[in-house]
Amino acid sequence: MNAMTTMNVTDPHTGLGPVRHVRTDVLDIAYHAVGPARGRPVLLLHGWPFSPVGSYAEVAPALARRGHRCYIPYLRGHGETRFLNANTVRSGQQAALGADLLAFMDALDIPRALFAGYDWGGRAGDVAAALWPERCTGLVSVNGYLIQNLATAQNPLAARQEEGYWYFFYFATERGRKGLQRNREDLARVVWHRNSPQWRFTEAEFAQTATLWSNPDYVDVVIHGYRHRLGLAPGDPAYDELERRLLEQPKITVPAVTLDGSDDGVLPPTDGSGYAPHFAGPWTHHIVPGAGHNLPQEQPAAFTAAVLEVAAMP
């Protein structure tokens, strides 16, 4: 695969440096890179509807000071990341997110890296770690094992958890699609407050993240991601084989640390025993006090410590 890397030197972001770009077969991926060029690679992966800049503004520099080279890509449909072909399905399915991660590494000639993320980014890391363990040196995953079992998509969960998933069902309707198109900032603000009820974010933090949602593919990718996970939309045929493998709920064999926020408004904290069987290698679980769903931004020291912990595992 031929990589083409460019840099937007006028980008005003501080801490994470300028927005860079690299091309895969499918995407022009925007990303930041922080830390020594020959440092140990870490991929920091953001969720929806959050920002890689906000989520990792403190984590990436802290890891860089400890010798890590941090790569912080923007999800498909977010920020300056763009599809290269107008005919490509604007998929948000889990296999696509995992494949994007592997393609990103290939384009930048990164043989192996530690994956660390939450929400959509955590799922991408879990998928890539499970399917391509030879490319992953370790995993930090907020909320545990995030690979969706699409075979059980129609099975109801506990009422409290279904309540936290309200936007899944909203996005399943045409009303929800229109709502995301017209009210993306208002909707995201509700999600931020509900999923991280103790987080006192600033208006500047919210405004910075809102710039990501003007991406022309944002609505299509987000809507497809939630409809696909409920079995309400077909996947991109390009990922059929990967989705077949994910139906088997593959184990994660690399060293792993999982985290739950004590104040997560969508996924209540657990002791990790429910998903422990999915982790076949060295594994530790922690509950992080004072953290909600966007854990690396809310409690960056705890997230940084988890990356350093898994990096030290045998």
C-alpha atoms as a PDB file:
ATOM      1  CA  MET A   1       0.000   0.000   0.000  1.00  0.00           C
ATOM      2  CA  ASN A   2       1.346   3.391  -0.923  1.00  0.00           C
ATOM      3  CA  ALA A   3       1.095   6.001   1.821  1.00  0.00           C
ATOM      4  CA  MET A   4       0.885   9.710   1.220  1.00  0.00           C
ATOM      5  CA  THR A   5       1.462  11.854   4.295  1.00  0.00           C
ATOM      6  CA  THR A   6       0.769  15.569   4.468  1.00  0.00           C
ATOM      7  CA  MET A   7       0.631  18.091   7.291  1.00  0.00           C
ATOM      8  CA  ASN A   8      -1.589  21.074   7.921  1.00  0.00           C
ATOM      9  CA  VAL A   9       0.939  23.369   9.588  1.00  0.00           C
ATOM     10  CA  THR A  10      -1.614  26.108  10.184  1.00  0.00           C
ATOM     11  CA  ASP A  11      -3.759  24.017  12.502  1.00  0.00           C
ATOM     12  CA  PRO A  12      -4.168  25.840  15.836  1.00  0.00           C
ATOM     13  CA  HIS A  13      -4.403  22.800  18.135  1.00  0.00           C
ATOM     14  CA  THR A  14      -1.939  22.911  20.978  1.00  0.00           C
ATOM     15  CA  GLY A  15      -0.402  19.962  22.779  1.00  0.00           C
ATOM     16  CA  LEU A  16      -1.130  17.437  20.046  1.00  0.00           C
ATOM     17  CA  GLY A  17       0.519  19.431  17.264  1.00  0.00           C
ATOM     18  CA  PRO A  18      -0.783  19.930  13.723  1.00  0.00           C
ATOM     19  CA  VAL A  19      -3.317  17.779  11.909  1.00  0.00           C
ATOM     20  CA  ARG A  20      -1.516  15.344   9.636  1.00  0.00           C
ATOM     21  CA  HIS A  21      -2.988  13.198   6.861  1.00  0.00           C
ATOM     22  CA  VAL A  22      -2.259   9.729   5.544  1.00  0.00           C
ATOM     23  CA  ARG A  23      -4.053   7.793   2.820  1.00  0.00           C
ATOM     24  CA  THR A  24      -5.217   4.195   2.957  1.00  0.00           C
ATOM     25  CA  ASP A  25      -7.095   2.369   0.220  1.00  0.00           C
ATOM     26  CA  VAL A  26     -10.393   3.734   1.566  1.00  0.00           C
ATOM     27  CA  LEU A  27      -9.734   6.928   3.534  1.00  0.00           C
ATOM     28  CA  ASP A  28      -7.681  10.048   3.863  1.00  0.00           C
ATOM     29  CA  ILE A  29      -7.225   9.812   7.640  1.00  0.00           C
ATOM     30  CA  ALA A  30      -6.544  12.925   9.692  1.00  0.00           C
ATOM     31  CA  TYR A  31      -4.440  12.347  12.805  1.00  0.00           C
ATOM     32  CA  HIS A  32      -2.052  13.845  15.328  1.00  0.00           C
ATOM     33  CA  ALA A  33       1.342  12.453  16.312  1.00  0.00           C
ATOM     34  CA  VAL A  34       3.007  13.244  19.632  1.00  0.00           C
ATOM     35  CA  GLY A  35       6.249  12.004  21.118  1.00  0.00           C
ATOM     36  CA  PRO A  36       9.698  10.865  19.986  1.00  0.00           C
ATOM     37  CA  ALA A  37       9.752   9.571  16.405  1.00  0.00           C
ATOM     38  CA  ARG A  38      11.337   6.293  17.494  1.00  0.00           C
ATOM     39  CA  GLY A  39       9.221   5.949  20.615  1.00  0.00           C
ATOM     40  CA  ARG A  40       7.079   2.910  21.386  1.00  0.00           C
ATOM     41  CA  PRO A  41       3.894   3.323  19.300  1.00  0.00           C
ATOM     42  CA  VAL A  42       0.537   3.859  20.982  1.00  0.00           C
ATOM     43  CA  LEU A  43      -2.710   4.414  19.068  1.00  0.00           C
ATOM     44  CA  LEU A  44      -5.156   6.572  21.062  1.00  0.00           C
ATOM     45  CA  LEU A  45      -8.686   6.062  19.770  1.00  0.00           C
ATOM     46  CA  HIS A  46     -11.625   8.374  20.405  1.00  0.00           C
ATOM     47  CA  GLY A  47     -15.342   7.701  20.717  1.00  0.00           C
ATOM     48  CA  TRP A  48     -18.617   9.230  19.597  1.00  0.00           C
ATOM     49  CA  PRO A  49     -19.559  12.048  19.955  1.00  0.00           C
ATOM     50  CA  PHE A  50     -16.211  13.127  21.341  1.00  0.00           C
ATOM     51  CA  SER A  51     -12.952  14.597  20.061  1.00  0.00           C
ATOM     52  CA  PRO A  52      -9.506  13.020  19.872  1.00  0.00           C
ATOM     53  CA  VAL A  53      -8.061  16.430  20.751  1.00  0.00           C
ATOM     54  CA  GLY A  54     -10.118  16.803  23.900  1.00  0.00           C
ATOM     55  CA  SER A  55      -9.913  13.178  24.950  1.00  0.00           C
ATOM     56  CA  TYR A  56      -6.131  12.925  24.685  1.00  0.00           C
ATOM     57  CA  ALA A  57      -4.922  16.482  25.289  1.00  0.00           C
ATOM     58  CA  GLU A  58      -3.324  15.395  28.585  1.00  0.00           C
ATOM     59  CA  VAL A  59      -2.827  11.677  27.968  1.00  0.00           C
ATOM     60  CA  ALA A  60      -0.694  11.935  24.821  1.00  0.00           C
ATOM     61  CA  PRO A  61       1.880  14.428  26.188  1.00  0.00           C
ATOM     62  CA  ALA A  62       2.144  12.405  29.402  1.00  0.00           C
ATOM     63  CA  LEU A  63       2.888   9.235  27.440  1.00  0.00           C
ATOM     64  CA  ALA A  64       5.297  11.096  25.166  1.00  0.00           C
ATOM     65  CA  ARG A  65       7.307  12.168  28.197  1.00  0.00           C
ATOM     66  CA  ARG A  66       7.686   8.481  29.009  1.00  0.00           C
ATOM     67  CA  GLY A  67       9.045   7.593  25.610  1.00  0.00           C
ATOM     68  CA  HIS A  68       5.909   6.694  23.678  1.00  0.00           C
ATOM     69  CA  ARG A  69       5.030   7.851  20.172  1.00  0.00           C
ATOM     70  CA  CYS A  70       1.302   8.544  20.233  1.00  0.00           C
ATOM     71  CA  TYR A  71      -0.849   8.474  17.101  1.00  0.00           C
ATOM     72  CA  ILE A  72      -4.338   9.934  17.481  1.00  0.00           C
ATOM     73  CA  PRO A  73      -6.504   9.350  14.375  1.00  0.00           C
ATOM     74  CA  TYR A  74      -9.920  10.831  13.647  1.00  0.00           C
ATOM     75  CA  LEU A  75     -12.690   8.293  13.084  1.00  0.00           C
ATOM     76  CA  ARG A  76     -14.215   7.900   9.641  1.00  0.00           C
ATOM     77  CA  GLY A  77     -16.899  10.560   9.266  1.00  0.00           C
ATOM     78  CA  HIS A  78     -15.226  12.878  11.786  1.00  0.00           C
ATOM     79  CA  GLY A  79     -13.096  15.984  11.422  1.00  0.00           C
ATOM     80  CA  GLU A  80     -10.904  16.074   8.330  1.00  0.00           C
ATOM     81  CA  THR A  81     -10.982  12.308   7.700  1.00  0.00           C
ATOM     82  CA  ARG A  82     -12.512  11.732   4.262  1.00  0.00           C
ATOM     83  CA  PHE A  83     -13.553   8.833   2.036  1.00  0.00           C
ATOM     84  CA  LEU A  84     -11.572   8.688  -1.193  1.00  0.00           C
ATOM     85  CA  ASN A  85     -14.381   7.263  -3.341  1.00  0.00           C
ATOM     86  CA  ALA A  86     -17.917   8.629  -3.564  1.00  0.00           C
ATOM     87  CA  ASN A  87     -19.222   5.085  -4.061  1.00  0.00           C
ATOM     88  CA  THR A  88     -17.780   3.635  -0.854  1.00  0.00           C
ATOM     89  CA  VAL A  89     -20.445   2.641   1.662  1.00  0.00           C
ATOM     90  CA  ARG A  90     -20.446   5.138   4.532  1.00  0.00           C
ATOM     91  CA  SER A  91     -20.330   2.320   7.036  1.00  0.00           C
ATOM     92  CA  GLY A  92     -19.923   2.713  10.776  1.00  0.00           C
ATOM     93  CA  GLN A  93     -19.879  -1.039  11.481  1.00  0.00           C
ATOM     94  CA  GLN A  94     -17.343  -2.519  13.868  1.00  0.00           C
ATOM     95  CA  ALA A  95     -15.394  -4.421  11.214  1.00  0.00           C
ATOM     96  CA  ALA A  96     -14.859  -1.215   9.253  1.00  0.00           C
ATOM     97  CA  LEU A  97     -13.521   0.564  12.348  1.00  0.00           C
ATOM     98  CA  GLY A  98     -11.086  -2.261  13.062  1.00  0.00           C
ATOM     99  CA  ALA A  99      -9.976  -2.453   9.431  1.00  0.00           C
ATOM    100  CA  ASP A 100      -9.397   1.320   9.391  1.00  0.00           C
ATOM    101  CA  LEU A 101      -7.040   0.918  12.334  1.00  0.00           C
ATOM    102  CA  LEU A 102      -4.986  -1.774  10.616  1.00  0.00           C
ATOM    103  CA  ALA A 103      -4.883   0.204   7.350  1.00  0.00           C
ATOM    104  CA  PHE A 104      -3.750   3.304   9.266  1.00  0.00           C
ATOM    105  CA  MET A 105      -0.846   1.322  10.723  1.00  0.00           C
ATOM    106  CA  ASP A 106       0.080  -0.070   7.315  1.00  0.00           C
ATOM    107  CA  ALA A 107       0.029   3.378   5.714  1.00  0.00           C
ATOM    108  CA  LEU A 108       2.405   4.729   8.372  1.00  0.00           C
ATOM    109  CA  ASP A 109       4.607   1.602   8.416  1.00  0.00           C
ATOM    110  CA  ILE A 110       3.823   0.849  12.066  1.00  0.00           C
ATOM    111  CA  PRO A 111       4.464  -2.893  12.505  1.00  0.00           C
ATOM    112  CA  ARG A 112       3.026  -3.171  16.030  1.00  0.00           C
ATOM    113  CA  ALA A 113       1.437  -0.804  18.512  1.00  0.00           C
ATOM    114  CA  LEU A 114      -0.440  -0.601  21.783  1.00  0.00           C
ATOM    115  CA  PHE A 115      -4.146   0.183  21.260  1.00  0.00           C
ATOM    116  CA  ALA A 116      -5.996   2.322  23.819  1.00  0.00           C
ATOM    117  CA  GLY A 117      -9.495   3.705  23.473  1.00  0.00           C
ATOM    118  CA  TYR A 118     -13.105   4.029  24.556  1.00  0.00           C
ATOM    119  CA  ASP A 119     -16.533   3.806  22.912  1.00  0.00           C
ATOM    120  CA  TRP A 120     -16.189   3.582  19.079  1.00  0.00           C
ATOM    121  CA  GLY A 121     -12.414   3.837  19.370  1.00  0.00           C
ATOM    122  CA  GLY A 122     -12.292   1.178  22.058  1.00  0.00           C
ATOM    123  CA  ARG A 123     -14.320  -1.112  19.803  1.00  0.00           C
ATOM    124  CA  ALA A 124     -11.912  -0.510  16.920  1.00  0.00           C
ATOM    125  CA  GLY A 125      -9.029  -1.439  19.213  1.00  0.00           C
ATOM    126  CA  ASP A 126     -10.765  -4.573  20.481  1.00  0.00           C
ATOM    127  CA  VAL A 127     -11.585  -5.709  16.941  1.00  0.00           C
ATOM    128  CA  ALA A 128      -8.055  -5.153  15.685  1.00  0.00           C
ATOM    129  CA  ALA A 129      -6.483  -6.779  18.756  1.00  0.00           C
ATOM    130  CA  ALA A 130      -8.697  -9.859  18.400  1.00  0.00           C
ATOM    131  CA  LEU A 131      -8.334 -10.297  14.639  1.00  0.00           C
ATOM    132  CA  TRP A 132      -4.691  -9.245  14.239  1.00  0.00           C
ATOM    133  CA  PRO A 133      -2.948  -9.896  17.578  1.00  0.00           C
ATOM    134  CA  GLU A 134       0.434  -9.957  15.869  1.00  0.00           C
ATOM    135  CA  ARG A 135       0.035  -6.194  15.292  1.00  0.00           C
ATOM    136  CA  CYS A 136      -0.950  -5.360  18.882  1.00  0.00           C
ATOM    137  CA  THR A 137       1.466  -5.145  21.818  1.00  0.00           C
ATOM    138  CA  GLY A 138      -1.288  -4.510  24.359  1.00  0.00           C
ATOM    139  CA  LEU A 139      -4.788  -3.124  24.816  1.00  0.00           C
ATOM    140  CA  VAL A 140      -6.539  -0.597  27.056  1.00  0.00           C
ATOM    141  CA  SER A 141     -10.300  -0.829  26.614  1.00  0.00           C
ATOM    142  CA  VAL A 142     -12.838   1.263  28.513  1.00  0.00           C
ATOM    143  CA  ASN A 143     -15.977  -0.774  29.329  1.00  0.00           C
ATOM    144  CA  GLY A 144     -14.274  -4.080  28.683  1.00  0.00           C
ATOM    145  CA  TYR A 145     -14.883  -6.354  25.703  1.00  0.00           C
ATOM    146  CA  LEU A 146     -16.612  -4.197  23.109  1.00  0.00           C
ATOM    147  CA  ILE A 147     -16.906  -6.543  20.124  1.00  0.00           C
ATOM    148  CA  GLN A 148     -20.604  -6.661  19.318  1.00  0.00           C
ATOM    149  CA  ASN A 149     -22.321 -10.024  19.165  1.00  0.00           C
ATOM    150  CA  LEU A 150     -24.622  -9.339  16.226  1.00  0.00           C
ATOM    151  CA  ALA A 151     -26.191 -12.786  16.588  1.00  0.00           C
ATOM    152  CA  THR A 152     -27.861 -11.568  19.788  1.00  0.00           C
ATOM    153  CA  ALA A 153     -28.675  -8.039  18.592  1.00  0.00           C
ATOM    154  CA  GLN A 154     -32.421  -8.530  19.102  1.00  0.00           C
ATOM    155  CA  ASN A 155     -32.109  -9.850  22.657  1.00  0.00           C
ATOM    156  CA  PRO A 156     -33.213  -7.229  25.225  1.00  0.00           C
ATOM    157  CA  LEU A 157     -30.836  -6.042  27.907  1.00  0.00           C
ATOM    158  CA  ALA A 158     -31.632  -4.914  31.432  1.00  0.00           C
ATOM    159  CA  ALA A 159     -34.005  -1.947  31.422  1.00  0.00           C
ATOM    160  CA  ARG A 160     -31.413   0.386  32.966  1.00  0.00           C
ATOM    161  CA  GLN A 161     -28.954  -0.363  30.174  1.00  0.00           C
ATOM    162  CA  GLU A 162     -31.614  -0.020  27.475  1.00  0.00           C
ATOM    163  CA  GLU A 163     -32.451   3.395  28.895  1.00  0.00           C
ATOM    164  CA  GLY A 164     -28.835   4.464  28.449  1.00  0.00           C
ATOM    165  CA  TYR A 165     -28.996   3.333  24.824  1.00  0.00           C
ATOM    166  CA  TRP A 166     -31.905   5.636  23.959  1.00  0.00           C
ATOM    167  CA  TYR A 167     -30.134   7.139  20.950  1.00  0.00           C
ATOM    168  CA  PHE A 168     -29.663   3.673  19.385  1.00  0.00           C
ATOM    169  CA  PHE A 169     -33.424   3.454  18.959  1.00  0.00           C
ATOM    170  CA  TYR A 170     -33.791   7.115  17.980  1.00  0.00           C
ATOM    171  CA  PHE A 171     -31.255   6.633  15.184  1.00  0.00           C
ATOM    172  CA  ALA A 172     -33.132   3.562  13.981  1.00  0.00           C
ATOM    173  CA  THR A 173     -35.879   5.885  12.718  1.00  0.00           C
ATOM    174  CA  GLU A 174     -35.976   8.442   9.928  1.00  0.00           C
ATOM    175  CA  ARG A 175     -36.957  10.972  12.595  1.00  0.00           C
ATOM    176  CA  GLY A 176     -33.675  10.189  14.352  1.00  0.00           C
ATOM    177  CA  ARG A 177     -31.661  10.617  11.177  1.00  0.00           C
ATOM    178  CA  LYS A 178     -33.237  14.021  10.620  1.00  0.00           C
ATOM    179  CA  GLY A 179     -32.662  14.874  14.263  1.00  0.00           C
ATOM    180  CA  LEU A 180     -28.953  14.119  13.997  1.00  0.00           C
ATOM    181  CA  GLN A 181     -28.721  16.110  10.764  1.00  0.00           C
ATOM    182  CA  ARG A 182     -30.493  19.169  12.135  1.00  0.00           C
ATOM    183  CA  ASN A 183     -29.588  19.114  15.823  1.00  0.00           C
ATOM    184  CA  ARG A 184     -26.194  17.434  16.008  1.00  0.00           C
ATOM    185  CA  GLU A 185     -24.832  19.824  18.640  1.00  0.00           C
ATOM    186  CA  ASP A 186     -27.920  19.731  20.863  1.00  0.00           C
ATOM    187  CA  LEU A 187     -28.037  15.949  20.648  1.00  0.00           C
ATOM    188  CA  ALA A 188     -24.347  15.605  21.490  1.00  0.00           C
ATOM    189  CA  ARG A 189     -24.755  17.903  24.482  1.00  0.00           C
ATOM    190  CA  VAL A 190     -27.478  15.607  25.837  1.00  0.00           C
ATOM    191  CA  VAL A 191     -25.206  12.583  25.338  1.00  0.00           C
ATOM    192  CA  TRP A 192     -22.276  14.289  27.067  1.00  0.00           C
ATOM    193  CA  HIS A 193     -24.372  15.187  30.120  1.00  0.00           C
ATOM    194  CA  ARG A 194     -26.129  11.842  30.330  1.00  0.00           C
ATOM    195  CA  ASN A 195     -23.147   9.575  29.669  1.00  0.00           C
ATOM    196  CA  SER A 196     -20.782  11.533  31.923  1.00  0.00           C
ATOM    197  CA  PRO A 197     -23.062  13.141  34.535  1.00  0.00           C
ATOM    198  CA  GLN A 198     -20.202  14.277  36.804  1.00  0.00           C
ATOM    199  CA  TRP A 199     -18.079  15.804  34.034  1.00  0.00           C
ATOM    200  CA  ARG A 200     -17.912  19.602  34.109  1.00  0.00           C
ATOM    201  CA  PHE A 201     -16.731  20.274  30.582  1.00  0.00           C
ATOM    202  CA  THR A 202     -16.249  23.813  29.335  1.00  0.00           C
ATOM    203  CA  GLU A 203     -18.029  25.490  26.457  1.00  0.00           C
ATOM    204  CA  ALA A 204     -14.658  25.799  24.713  1.00  0.00           C
ATOM    205  CA  GLU A 205     -14.184  22.031  24.925  1.00  0.00           C
ATOM    206  CA  PHE A 206     -17.627  21.432  23.500  1.00  0.00           C
ATOM    207  CA  ALA A 207     -17.153  23.992  20.718  1.00  0.00           C
ATOM    208  CA  GLN A 208     -13.850  22.427  19.660  1.00  0.00           C
ATOM    209  CA  THR A 209     -15.455  19.000  19.400  1.00  0.00           C
ATOM    210  CA  ALA A 210     -18.455  20.354  17.498  1.00  0.00           C
ATOM    211  CA  THR A 211     -16.173  21.223  14.589  1.00  0.00           C
ATOM    212  CA  LEU A 212     -15.762  17.482  13.932  1.00  0.00           C
ATOM    213  CA  TRP A 213     -19.448  17.013  13.184  1.00  0.00           C
ATOM    214  CA  SER A 214     -19.459  19.174  10.062  1.00  0.00           C
ATOM    215  CA  ASN A 215     -17.809  16.303   8.174  1.00  0.00           C
ATOM    216  CA  PRO A 216     -20.022  15.552   5.133  1.00  0.00           C
ATOM    217  CA  ASP A 217     -20.155  11.839   6.006  1.00  0.00           C
ATOM    218  CA  TYR A 218     -20.781  12.268   9.725  1.00  0.00           C
ATOM    219  CA  VAL A 219     -24.516  11.582   9.735  1.00  0.00           C
ATOM    220  CA  ASP A 220     -24.321   8.614   7.353  1.00  0.00           C
ATOM    221  CA  VAL A 221     -21.511   6.921   9.297  1.00  0.00           C
ATOM    222  CA  VAL A 222     -23.109   7.433  12.715  1.00  0.00           C
ATOM    223  CA  ILE A 223     -26.574   6.318  11.612  1.00  0.00           C
ATOM    224  CA  HIS A 224     -25.200   3.243   9.873  1.00  0.00           C
ATOM    225  CA  GLY A 225     -23.081   2.317  12.891  1.00  0.00           C
ATOM    226  CA  TYR A 226     -26.054   2.215  15.252  1.00  0.00           C
ATOM    227  CA  ARG A 227     -28.469   0.632  12.798  1.00  0.00           C
ATOM    228  CA  HIS A 228     -25.981  -2.091  11.890  1.00  0.00           C
ATOM    229  CA  ARG A 229     -25.330  -3.051  15.508  1.00  0.00           C
ATOM    230  CA  LEU A 230     -29.090  -3.539  16.007  1.00  0.00           C
ATOM    231  CA  GLY A 231     -29.350  -5.656  12.867  1.00  0.00           C
ATOM    232  CA  LEU A 232     -31.403  -2.988  11.091  1.00  0.00           C
ATOM    233  CA  ALA A 233     -28.978  -2.191   8.261  1.00  0.00           C
ATOM    234  CA  PRO A 234     -26.777  -4.450   6.124  1.00  0.00           C
ATOM    235  CA  GLY A 235     -23.034  -4.106   6.391  1.00  0.00           C
ATOM    236  CA  ASP A 236     -20.639  -3.127   3.662  1.00  0.00           C
ATOM    237  CA  PRO A 237     -19.949  -6.375   1.737  1.00  0.00           C
ATOM    238  CA  ALA A 238     -16.247  -5.493   1.832  1.00  0.00           C
ATOM    239  CA  TYR A 239     -16.278  -6.439   5.531  1.00  0.00           C
ATOM    240  CA  ASP A 240     -18.468  -9.568   5.382  1.00  0.00           C
ATOM    241  CA  GLU A 241     -15.604 -11.968   6.136  1.00  0.00           C
ATOM    242  CA  LEU A 242     -14.407  -9.892   9.082  1.00  0.00           C
ATOM    243  CA  GLU A 243     -17.943  -9.687  10.488  1.00  0.00           C
ATOM    244  CA  ARG A 244     -18.243 -13.462  10.148  1.00  0.00           C
ATOM    245  CA  ARG A 245     -15.109 -13.854  12.255  1.00  0.00           C
ATOM    246  CA  LEU A 246     -16.428 -11.367  14.822  1.00  0.00           C
ATOM    247  CA  LEU A 247     -19.638 -13.392  15.186  1.00  0.00           C
ATOM    248  CA  GLU A 248     -17.441 -16.016  16.836  1.00  0.00           C
ATOM    249  CA  GLN A 249     -16.654 -13.486  19.598  1.00  0.00           C
ATOM    250  CA  PRO A 250     -12.886 -14.014  19.294  1.00  0.00           C
ATOM    251  CA  LYS A 251     -10.800 -13.871  22.420  1.00  0.00           C
ATOM    252  CA  ILE A 252      -8.292 -11.106  23.001  1.00  0.00           C
ATOM    253  CA  THR A 253      -4.960 -12.782  23.641  1.00  0.00           C
ATOM    254  CA  VAL A 254      -2.702  -9.744  24.034  1.00  0.00           C
ATOM    255  CA  PRO A 255      -2.025  -8.157  27.444  1.00  0.00           C
ATOM    256  CA  ALA A 256      -4.984  -5.997  28.408  1.00  0.00           C
ATOM    257  CA  VAL A 257      -6.243  -3.524  31.002  1.00  0.00           C
ATOM    258  CA  THR A 258      -9.962  -2.757  31.083  1.00  0.00           C
ATOM    259  CA  LEU A 259     -11.468   0.256  32.806  1.00  0.00           C
ATOM    260  CA  ASP A 260     -14.924   1.278  33.949  1.00  0.00           C
ATOM    261  CA  GLY A 261     -15.816   4.765  35.114  1.00  0.00           C
ATOM    262  CA  SER A 262     -17.583   4.812  38.461  1.00  0.00           C
ATOM    263  CA  ASP A 263     -19.981   7.457  37.114  1.00  0.00           C
ATOM    264  CA  ASP A 264     -20.591   6.145  33.604  1.00  0.00           C
ATOM    265  CA  GLY A 265     -24.148   7.076  32.708  1.00  0.00           C
ATOM    266  CA  VAL A 266     -24.577   4.531  29.910  1.00  0.00           C
ATOM    267  CA  LEU A 267     -22.632   1.470  31.106  1.00  0.00           C
ATOM    268  CA  PRO A 268     -22.641   1.074  34.901  1.00  0.00           C
ATOM    269  CA  PRO A 269     -19.297  -0.074  36.364  1.00  0.00           C
ATOM    270  CA  THR A 270     -18.728  -3.786  36.988  1.00  0.00           C
ATOM    271  CA  ASP A 271     -15.996  -5.967  38.427  1.00  0.00           C
ATOM    272  CA  GLY A 272     -15.208  -7.160  34.898  1.00  0.00           C
ATOM    273  CA  SER A 273     -16.174 -10.772  35.582  1.00  0.00           C
ATOM    274  CA  GLY A 274     -18.868 -10.694  32.893  1.00  0.00           C
ATOM    275  CA  TYR A 275     -16.350 -10.255  30.097  1.00  0.00           C
ATOM    276  CA  ALA A 276     -13.264 -11.797  31.738  1.00  0.00           C
ATOM    277  CA  PRO A 277     -13.597 -15.013  29.634  1.00  0.00           C
ATOM    278  CA  HIS A 278     -12.965 -12.946  26.486  1.00  0.00           C
ATOM    279  CA  PHE A 279      -9.453 -12.016  27.675  1.00  0.00           C
ATOM    280  CA  ALA A 280      -7.085 -14.963  27.281  1.00  0.00           C
ATOM    281  CA  GLY A 281      -3.819 -13.145  28.019  1.00  0.00           C
ATOM    282  CA  PRO A 282      -2.603 -11.143  31.026  1.00  0.00           C
ATOM    283  CA  TRP A 283      -5.557  -8.997  32.097  1.00  0.00           C
ATOM    284  CA  THR A 284      -6.401  -6.486  34.833  1.00  0.00           C
ATOM    285  CA  HIS A 285      -9.577  -4.527  35.469  1.00  0.00           C
ATOM    286  CA  HIS A 286      -9.991  -1.215  37.330  1.00  0.00           C
ATOM    287  CA  ILE A 287     -12.919   0.993  38.288  1.00  0.00           C
ATOM    288  CA  VAL A 288     -11.902   4.653  37.956  1.00  0.00           C
ATOM    289  CA  PRO A 289     -13.521   7.002  40.502  1.00  0.00           C
ATOM    290  CA  GLY A 290     -15.032  10.181  39.132  1.00  0.00           C
ATOM    291  CA  ALA A 291     -15.024   9.052  35.508  1.00  0.00           C
ATOM    292  CA  GLY A 292     -17.883   8.786  33.069  1.00  0.00           C
ATOM    293  CA  HIS A 293     -17.992   7.481  29.513  1.00  0.00           C
ATOM    294  CA  ASN A 294     -15.243   9.745  28.110  1.00  0.00           C
ATOM    295  CA  LEU A 295     -12.756   8.404  30.610  1.00  0.00           C
ATOM    296  CA  PRO A 296      -9.425   9.638  29.156  1.00  0.00           C
ATOM    297  CA  GLN A 297     -10.618  13.250  29.134  1.00  0.00           C
ATOM    298  CA  GLU A 298     -12.313  13.090  32.516  1.00  0.00           C
ATOM    299  CA  GLN A 299      -9.551  11.186  34.339  1.00  0.00           C
ATOM    300  CA  PRO A 300      -6.449  11.409  32.130  1.00  0.00           C
ATOM    301  CA  ALA A 301      -4.022  10.319  34.855  1.00  0.00           C
ATOM    302  CA  ALA A 302      -5.892   7.043  35.340  1.00  0.00           C
ATOM    303  CA  PHE A 303      -6.017   6.364  31.608  1.00  0.00           C
ATOM    304  CA  THR A 304      -2.321   7.169  31.240  1.00  0.00           C
ATOM    305  CA  ALA A 305      -1.525   4.829  34.118  1.00  0.00           C
ATOM    306  CA  ALA A 306      -3.485   2.038  32.429  1.00  0.00           C
ATOM    307  CA  VAL A 307      -1.459   2.433  29.223  1.00  0.00           C
ATOM    308  CA  LEU A 308       1.789   2.317  31.193  1.00  0.00           C
ATOM    309  CA  GLU A 309       0.520  -0.702  33.128  1.00  0.00           C
ATOM    310  CA  VAL A 310      -0.284  -2.743  30.036  1.00  0.00           C
ATOM    311  CA  ALA A 311       2.966  -1.660  28.375  1.00  0.00           C
ATOM    312  CA  ALA A 312       4.855  -3.223  31.305  1.00  0.00           C
ATOM    313  CA  MET A 313       2.964  -6.533  31.168  1.00  0.00           C
ATOM    314  CA  PRO A 314       4.955  -9.563  29.961  1.00  0.00           C
END
